[in-house]
Amino acid sequence: MSIELVPDRCEGHAVCEAIAPEVFRVDDDGMVQLVPGADHDDATALAAVRSCPVAALRSTS
């Protein structure tokens, strides 16, 4: 599974980071960034993607 970020939608709520900090980080500007080369559990990452209140994340197979 891969994860795509839609930067224009992100509002920096950091829900994704709270659920999957090994995959997502909120930068100094309050915007989410994907952790490069993150080794993650797909179920946890998918839960984080689905939890985004502004749909700024997408998962692809």
N, C-alpha and C. Protein backbone atom coordinates (compact mmCIF):
# COMPACT_ATOMS: atom_id res chain seq x y z
N MET A 1 0.85 -1.18 0.00
CA MET A 1 0.00 0.00 0.00
C MET A 1 0.89 1.24 0.00
N SER A 2 0.52 2.21 -0.79
CA SER A 2 1.22 3.49 -0.75
C SER A 2 0.23 4.56 -0.31
N ILE A 3 0.78 5.66 0.18
CA ILE A 3 -0.03 6.74 0.71
C ILE A 3 0.32 8.01 -0.04
N GLU A 4 -0.70 8.74 -0.42
CA GLU A 4 -0.52 10.02 -1.11
C GLU A 4 -1.06 11.13 -0.23
N LEU A 5 -0.35 12.23 -0.24
CA LEU A 5 -0.74 13.42 0.50
C LEU A 5 -1.30 14.45 -0.49
N VAL A 6 -2.40 15.08 -0.13
CA VAL A 6 -2.98 16.16 -0.91
C VAL A 6 -2.69 17.45 -0.13
N PRO A 7 -1.53 18.07 -0.39
CA PRO A 7 -1.08 19.18 0.45
C PRO A 7 -2.06 20.35 0.57
N ASP A 8 -2.78 20.65 -0.51
CA ASP A 8 -3.71 21.78 -0.47
C ASP A 8 -4.87 21.56 0.50
N ARG A 9 -5.11 20.31 0.87
CA ARG A 9 -6.23 20.01 1.77
C ARG A 9 -5.80 19.97 3.24
N CYS A 10 -4.54 19.71 3.49
CA CYS A 10 -4.07 19.54 4.88
C CYS A 10 -4.26 20.82 5.68
N GLU A 11 -4.82 20.66 6.86
CA GLU A 11 -5.01 21.78 7.79
C GLU A 11 -4.21 21.60 9.07
N GLY A 12 -3.38 20.56 9.12
CA GLY A 12 -2.49 20.35 10.25
C GLY A 12 -3.15 19.85 11.52
N HIS A 13 -4.23 19.10 11.42
CA HIS A 13 -4.90 18.57 12.60
C HIS A 13 -4.05 17.54 13.34
N ALA A 14 -3.16 16.86 12.63
CA ALA A 14 -2.20 15.89 13.20
C ALA A 14 -2.85 14.61 13.73
N VAL A 15 -4.06 14.32 13.31
CA VAL A 15 -4.71 13.07 13.71
C VAL A 15 -3.92 11.89 13.16
N CYS A 16 -3.46 12.02 11.92
CA CYS A 16 -2.68 10.94 11.30
C CYS A 16 -1.40 10.66 12.08
N GLU A 17 -0.73 11.72 12.50
CA GLU A 17 0.51 11.55 13.26
C GLU A 17 0.24 10.88 14.61
N ALA A 18 -0.87 11.21 15.22
CA ALA A 18 -1.21 10.60 16.50
C ALA A 18 -1.45 9.09 16.36
N ILE A 19 -2.03 8.69 15.22
CA ILE A 19 -2.34 7.28 15.00
C ILE A 19 -1.12 6.51 14.49
N ALA A 20 -0.37 7.11 13.57
CA ALA A 20 0.76 6.41 12.93
C ALA A 20 1.99 7.33 12.86
N PRO A 21 2.62 7.60 13.99
CA PRO A 21 3.78 8.52 13.99
C PRO A 21 4.98 7.99 13.22
N GLU A 22 5.01 6.69 12.94
CA GLU A 22 6.10 6.15 12.15
C GLU A 22 5.93 6.46 10.67
N VAL A 23 4.74 6.93 10.26
CA VAL A 23 4.44 7.22 8.86
C VAL A 23 4.28 8.72 8.61
N PHE A 24 3.72 9.45 9.58
CA PHE A 24 3.38 10.86 9.39
C PHE A 24 4.07 11.73 10.44
N ARG A 25 4.49 12.92 10.01
CA ARG A 25 5.04 13.93 10.90
C ARG A 25 4.44 15.27 10.52
N VAL A 26 4.13 16.07 11.50
CA VAL A 26 3.67 17.42 11.25
C VAL A 26 4.89 18.32 11.33
N ASP A 27 5.13 19.11 10.27
CA ASP A 27 6.32 19.94 10.21
C ASP A 27 6.14 21.23 11.01
N ASP A 28 7.16 22.08 10.96
CA ASP A 28 7.13 23.33 11.73
C ASP A 28 6.04 24.29 11.27
N ASP A 29 5.57 24.11 10.03
CA ASP A 29 4.50 24.94 9.52
C ASP A 29 3.12 24.37 9.82
N GLY A 30 3.07 23.22 10.50
CA GLY A 30 1.80 22.60 10.85
C GLY A 30 1.20 21.74 9.76
N MET A 31 1.99 21.40 8.76
CA MET A 31 1.50 20.56 7.66
C MET A 31 2.10 19.16 7.78
N VAL A 32 1.31 18.18 7.40
CA VAL A 32 1.75 16.79 7.51
C VAL A 32 2.75 16.47 6.39
N GLN A 33 3.71 15.65 6.74
CA GLN A 33 4.71 15.14 5.80
C GLN A 33 4.76 13.64 5.97
N LEU A 34 5.00 12.93 4.88
CA LEU A 34 5.21 11.49 4.96
C LEU A 34 6.65 11.24 5.36
N VAL A 35 6.87 10.33 6.28
CA VAL A 35 8.23 9.97 6.71
C VAL A 35 8.83 9.12 5.59
N PRO A 36 9.94 9.59 5.00
CA PRO A 36 10.55 8.84 3.89
C PRO A 36 11.00 7.45 4.33
N GLY A 37 10.68 6.45 3.52
CA GLY A 37 11.12 5.09 3.80
C GLY A 37 10.53 4.47 5.04
N ALA A 38 9.41 5.00 5.49
CA ALA A 38 8.79 4.50 6.73
C ALA A 38 8.38 3.04 6.58
N ASP A 39 8.75 2.25 7.56
CA ASP A 39 8.30 0.86 7.64
C ASP A 39 7.06 0.87 8.51
N HIS A 40 5.92 0.49 7.94
CA HIS A 40 4.67 0.64 8.69
C HIS A 40 3.75 -0.55 8.51
N ASP A 41 2.87 -0.66 9.46
CA ASP A 41 1.80 -1.64 9.40
C ASP A 41 0.68 -1.04 8.54
N ASP A 42 0.29 -1.76 7.50
CA ASP A 42 -0.72 -1.23 6.58
C ASP A 42 -2.04 -0.91 7.27
N ALA A 43 -2.45 -1.72 8.21
CA ALA A 43 -3.73 -1.48 8.90
C ALA A 43 -3.70 -0.19 9.70
N THR A 44 -2.59 0.08 10.37
CA THR A 44 -2.46 1.30 11.15
C THR A 44 -2.39 2.52 10.23
N ALA A 45 -1.63 2.41 9.15
CA ALA A 45 -1.52 3.51 8.20
C ALA A 45 -2.88 3.80 7.56
N LEU A 46 -3.61 2.77 7.21
CA LEU A 46 -4.93 2.95 6.62
C LEU A 46 -5.90 3.61 7.62
N ALA A 47 -5.81 3.23 8.87
CA ALA A 47 -6.64 3.87 9.90
C ALA A 47 -6.32 5.36 10.00
N ALA A 48 -5.05 5.70 9.89
CA ALA A 48 -4.65 7.11 9.94
C ALA A 48 -5.17 7.86 8.72
N VAL A 49 -5.07 7.25 7.54
CA VAL A 49 -5.58 7.87 6.32
C VAL A 49 -7.07 8.13 6.45
N ARG A 50 -7.80 7.15 6.91
CA ARG A 50 -9.26 7.28 7.05
C ARG A 50 -9.67 8.27 8.13
N SER A 51 -8.79 8.55 9.06
CA SER A 51 -9.13 9.44 10.17
C SER A 51 -8.96 10.92 9.83
N CYS A 52 -8.34 11.22 8.70
CA CYS A 52 -8.10 12.62 8.36
C CYS A 52 -9.43 13.36 8.22
N PRO A 53 -9.63 14.41 9.01
CA PRO A 53 -10.91 15.12 8.98
C PRO A 53 -11.15 15.93 7.71
N VAL A 54 -10.10 16.16 6.91
CA VAL A 54 -10.26 16.94 5.68
C VAL A 54 -9.89 16.14 4.43
N ALA A 55 -9.75 14.83 4.57
CA ALA A 55 -9.43 13.94 3.44
C ALA A 55 -8.19 14.39 2.68
N ALA A 56 -7.13 14.72 3.43
CA ALA A 56 -5.86 15.15 2.82
C ALA A 56 -4.95 13.97 2.52
N LEU A 57 -5.39 12.75 2.82
CA LEU A 57 -4.58 11.56 2.60
C LEU A 57 -5.38 10.56 1.78
N ARG A 58 -4.66 9.82 0.92
CA ARG A 58 -5.28 8.76 0.12
C ARG A 58 -4.39 7.54 0.17
N SER A 59 -4.98 6.38 0.18
CA SER A 59 -4.21 5.14 0.11
C SER A 59 -4.46 4.51 -1.25
N THR A 60 -3.41 3.90 -1.78
CA THR A 60 -3.52 3.19 -3.05
C THR A 60 -2.93 1.81 -2.87
N SER A 61 -3.40 0.88 -3.64
CA SER A 61 -2.91 -0.50 -3.53
C SER A 61 -1.63 -0.67 -4.30
